Amino acid sequence: MLKNYFRTAWRNLWKNKTSSAINIFGLTIGLTCCLLITLYIQHELSYDNFELKGNRIARVIMEYQFAGSPASTKGNFTSVRVAPVLEQNFQEVESATKMAEYERVVHYEDKLINEKKFMYADSTFFDI
């Protein structure tokens, strides 16, 4: 019985090639988009899951708009003065740390290694 259903479906697909191709293409695009959205959401929700109190950790993201330009830039870069101001003005902030990402050349033994994503952090990093 099941074999008959597959045979009938195959004949209909073969008879209506254009509409079958459009339907299969649309289904493929839809499933691909659904999979990519699911992966993106899973990635976004995975931050700080390794921490016991990960739901209490927040990251400051600022949006910069340059004078005379309609374009703006969003990023995880802020002024170094943001952390102390947050600690002083918001009682919810228990601790704040500053981090910076640079490209640096690291000297290790006899080798010079060009690190594209070298991170600096202040002494309060492990208090978070």
C-alpha atoms as a PDB file:
ATOM      1  CA  MET A   1       0.000   0.000   0.000  1.00  0.00           C
ATOM      2  CA  LEU A   2       2.780   2.415   0.962  1.00  0.00           C
ATOM      3  CA  LYS A   3       4.656   1.499  -2.194  1.00  0.00           C
ATOM      4  CA  ASN A   4       1.590   2.485  -4.227  1.00  0.00           C
ATOM      5  CA  TYR A   5       1.466   5.919  -2.537  1.00  0.00           C
ATOM      6  CA  PHE A   6       5.105   6.602  -3.385  1.00  0.00           C
ATOM      7  CA  ARG A   7       4.572   5.455  -6.969  1.00  0.00           C
ATOM      8  CA  THR A   8       1.561   7.789  -7.370  1.00  0.00           C
ATOM      9  CA  ALA A   9       3.457  10.715  -5.829  1.00  0.00           C
ATOM     10  CA  TRP A  10       6.420  10.101  -8.143  1.00  0.00           C
ATOM     11  CA  ARG A  11       4.153  10.040 -11.208  1.00  0.00           C
ATOM     12  CA  ASN A  12       2.517  13.332 -10.195  1.00  0.00           C
ATOM     13  CA  LEU A  13       5.896  14.954  -9.581  1.00  0.00           C
ATOM     14  CA  TRP A  14       7.159  13.732 -12.948  1.00  0.00           C
ATOM     15  CA  LYS A  15       4.014  14.879 -14.793  1.00  0.00           C
ATOM     16  CA  ASN A  16       4.087  18.421 -13.309  1.00  0.00           C
ATOM     17  CA  LYS A  17       7.816  19.109 -13.441  1.00  0.00           C
ATOM     18  CA  THR A  18       7.686  22.918 -13.296  1.00  0.00           C
ATOM     19  CA  SER A  19       5.293  23.256 -10.383  1.00  0.00           C
ATOM     20  CA  SER A  20       7.033  20.400  -8.562  1.00  0.00           C
ATOM     21  CA  ALA A  21      10.411  22.110  -8.967  1.00  0.00           C
ATOM     22  CA  ILE A  22       8.987  25.421  -7.693  1.00  0.00           C
ATOM     23  CA  ASN A  23       7.374  23.702  -4.703  1.00  0.00           C
ATOM     24  CA  ILE A  24      10.514  21.745  -3.820  1.00  0.00           C
ATOM     25  CA  PHE A  25      12.655  24.884  -4.192  1.00  0.00           C
ATOM     26  CA  GLY A  26      10.303  26.864  -1.930  1.00  0.00           C
ATOM     27  CA  LEU A  27      10.274  24.087   0.650  1.00  0.00           C
ATOM     28  CA  THR A  28      14.075  23.950   0.585  1.00  0.00           C
ATOM     29  CA  ILE A  29      14.402  27.723   1.061  1.00  0.00           C
ATOM     30  CA  GLY A  30      11.850  27.694   3.889  1.00  0.00           C
ATOM     31  CA  LEU A  31      13.520  24.839   5.759  1.00  0.00           C
ATOM     32  CA  THR A  32      16.952  26.421   5.296  1.00  0.00           C
ATOM     33  CA  CYS A  33      15.741  29.763   6.684  1.00  0.00           C
ATOM     34  CA  CYS A  34      14.078  27.998   9.616  1.00  0.00           C
ATOM     35  CA  LEU A  35      17.288  26.105  10.379  1.00  0.00           C
ATOM     36  CA  LEU A  36      19.443  29.261  10.178  1.00  0.00           C
ATOM     37  CA  ILE A  37      17.080  31.213  12.440  1.00  0.00           C
ATOM     38  CA  THR A  38      17.096  28.346  14.948  1.00  0.00           C
ATOM     39  CA  LEU A  39      20.909  28.241  14.935  1.00  0.00           C
ATOM     40  CA  TYR A  40      21.103  32.025  15.395  1.00  0.00           C
ATOM     41  CA  ILE A  41      18.675  31.958  18.345  1.00  0.00           C
ATOM     42  CA  GLN A  42      20.521  29.038  19.924  1.00  0.00           C
ATOM     43  CA  HIS A  43      23.817  30.919  19.563  1.00  0.00           C
ATOM     44  CA  GLU A  44      22.385  34.114  21.080  1.00  0.00           C
ATOM     45  CA  LEU A  45      20.910  32.244  24.046  1.00  0.00           C
ATOM     46  CA  SER A  46      24.147  30.339  24.727  1.00  0.00           C
ATOM     47  CA  TYR A  47      26.126  33.330  26.041  1.00  0.00           C
ATOM     48  CA  ASP A  48      27.219  33.047  29.670  1.00  0.00           C
ATOM     49  CA  ASN A  49      25.551  29.643  30.136  1.00  0.00           C
ATOM     50  CA  PHE A  50      28.784  28.299  31.603  1.00  0.00           C
ATOM     51  CA  GLU A  51      28.497  30.776  34.497  1.00  0.00           C
ATOM     52  CA  LEU A  52      26.449  29.850  37.562  1.00  0.00           C
ATOM     53  CA  LYS A  53      24.917  33.333  37.643  1.00  0.00           C
ATOM     54  CA  GLY A  54      24.998  33.892  33.894  1.00  0.00           C
ATOM     55  CA  ASN A  55      21.535  35.456  33.868  1.00  0.00           C
ATOM     56  CA  ARG A  56      22.938  38.333  35.952  1.00  0.00           C
ATOM     57  CA  ILE A  57      25.682  39.226  33.464  1.00  0.00           C
ATOM     58  CA  ALA A  58      25.028  41.986  30.949  1.00  0.00           C
ATOM     59  CA  ARG A  59      27.108  43.449  28.151  1.00  0.00           C
ATOM     60  CA  VAL A  60      27.036  47.123  27.216  1.00  0.00           C
ATOM     61  CA  ILE A  61      26.640  47.846  23.523  1.00  0.00           C
ATOM     62  CA  MET A  62      26.686  51.412  22.284  1.00  0.00           C
ATOM     63  CA  GLU A  63      25.556  52.991  19.053  1.00  0.00           C
ATOM     64  CA  TYR A  64      27.694  55.801  17.694  1.00  0.00           C
ATOM     65  CA  GLN A  65      26.350  58.333  15.217  1.00  0.00           C
ATOM     66  CA  PHE A  66      28.931  60.558  13.639  1.00  0.00           C
ATOM     67  CA  ALA A  67      28.218  64.253  13.116  1.00  0.00           C
ATOM     68  CA  GLY A  68      26.859  65.075   9.689  1.00  0.00           C
ATOM     69  CA  SER A  69      26.361  61.444   8.753  1.00  0.00           C
ATOM     70  CA  PRO A  70      23.094  59.511   8.778  1.00  0.00           C
ATOM     71  CA  ALA A  71      25.006  56.254   9.258  1.00  0.00           C
ATOM     72  CA  SER A  72      25.629  54.839  12.695  1.00  0.00           C
ATOM     73  CA  THR A  73      27.833  52.103  14.078  1.00  0.00           C
ATOM     74  CA  LYS A  74      26.818  49.614  16.761  1.00  0.00           C
ATOM     75  CA  GLY A  75      29.397  47.704  18.651  1.00  0.00           C
ATOM     76  CA  ASN A  76      30.604  46.271  21.899  1.00  0.00           C
ATOM     77  CA  PHE A  77      33.087  49.090  22.347  1.00  0.00           C
ATOM     78  CA  THR A  78      32.529  51.871  24.867  1.00  0.00           C
ATOM     79  CA  SER A  79      34.535  54.482  26.667  1.00  0.00           C
ATOM     80  CA  VAL A  80      36.732  53.227  29.508  1.00  0.00           C
ATOM     81  CA  ARG A  81      34.777  55.514  31.846  1.00  0.00           C
ATOM     82  CA  VAL A  82      31.502  53.623  31.386  1.00  0.00           C
ATOM     83  CA  ALA A  83      32.219  50.887  33.967  1.00  0.00           C
ATOM     84  CA  PRO A  84      32.820  53.207  36.958  1.00  0.00           C
ATOM     85  CA  VAL A  85      29.838  55.375  36.010  1.00  0.00           C
ATOM     86  CA  LEU A  86      27.576  52.322  35.848  1.00  0.00           C
ATOM     87  CA  GLU A  87      28.761  51.136  39.265  1.00  0.00           C
ATOM     88  CA  GLN A  88      28.204  54.565  40.843  1.00  0.00           C
ATOM     89  CA  ASN A  89      24.829  55.422  39.300  1.00  0.00           C
ATOM     90  CA  PHE A  90      23.014  52.083  39.185  1.00  0.00           C
ATOM     91  CA  GLN A  91      22.566  50.083  42.365  1.00  0.00           C
ATOM     92  CA  GLU A  92      21.751  46.968  40.309  1.00  0.00           C
ATOM     93  CA  VAL A  93      25.341  46.843  39.049  1.00  0.00           C
ATOM     94  CA  GLU A  94      27.328  44.768  41.530  1.00  0.00           C
ATOM     95  CA  SER A  95      30.587  44.718  39.588  1.00  0.00           C
ATOM     96  CA  ALA A  96      31.835  45.963  36.233  1.00  0.00           C
ATOM     97  CA  THR A  97      34.914  45.208  34.199  1.00  0.00           C
ATOM     98  CA  LYS A  98      36.593  46.722  31.175  1.00  0.00           C
ATOM     99  CA  MET A  99      37.813  44.729  28.207  1.00  0.00           C
ATOM    100  CA  ALA A 100      39.520  45.773  25.001  1.00  0.00           C
ATOM    101  CA  GLU A 101      40.279  43.885  21.819  1.00  0.00           C
ATOM    102  CA  TYR A 102      43.381  44.704  19.801  1.00  0.00           C
ATOM    103  CA  GLU A 103      45.615  43.177  17.191  1.00  0.00           C
ATOM    104  CA  ARG A 104      48.982  42.551  18.794  1.00  0.00           C
ATOM    105  CA  VAL A 105      52.244  40.765  18.154  1.00  0.00           C
ATOM    106  CA  VAL A 106      52.979  38.382  21.018  1.00  0.00           C
ATOM    107  CA  HIS A 107      56.533  37.289  21.753  1.00  0.00           C
ATOM    108  CA  TYR A 108      56.690  33.700  23.021  1.00  0.00           C
ATOM    109  CA  GLU A 109      60.092  32.050  23.466  1.00  0.00           C
ATOM    110  CA  ASP A 110      61.778  32.581  20.067  1.00  0.00           C
ATOM    111  CA  LYS A 111      58.586  33.184  18.099  1.00  0.00           C
ATOM    112  CA  LEU A 112      56.620  36.287  17.200  1.00  0.00           C
ATOM    113  CA  ILE A 113      52.919  35.489  16.866  1.00  0.00           C
ATOM    114  CA  ASN A 114      50.489  37.952  15.291  1.00  0.00           C
ATOM    115  CA  GLU A 115      47.268  37.700  17.317  1.00  0.00           C
ATOM    116  CA  LYS A 116      44.323  39.230  15.474  1.00  0.00           C
ATOM    117  CA  LYS A 117      41.954  39.144  18.468  1.00  0.00           C
ATOM    118  CA  PHE A 118      44.019  39.855  21.552  1.00  0.00           C
ATOM    119  CA  MET A 119      41.918  40.723  24.623  1.00  0.00           C
ATOM    120  CA  TYR A 120      42.908  42.929  27.518  1.00  0.00           C
ATOM    121  CA  ALA A 121      40.884  42.881  30.748  1.00  0.00           C
ATOM    122  CA  ASP A 122      41.240  44.764  34.009  1.00  0.00           C
ATOM    123  CA  SER A 123      41.720  43.203  37.442  1.00  0.00           C
ATOM    124  CA  THR A 124      37.967  42.964  38.169  1.00  0.00           C
ATOM    125  CA  PHE A 125      37.371  40.544  35.295  1.00  0.00           C
ATOM    126  CA  PHE A 126      37.295  37.468  37.538  1.00  0.00           C
ATOM    127  CA  ASP A 127      34.944  39.161  40.028  1.00  0.00           C
ATOM    128  CA  ILE A 128      32.101  38.947  37.538  1.00  0.00           C
END
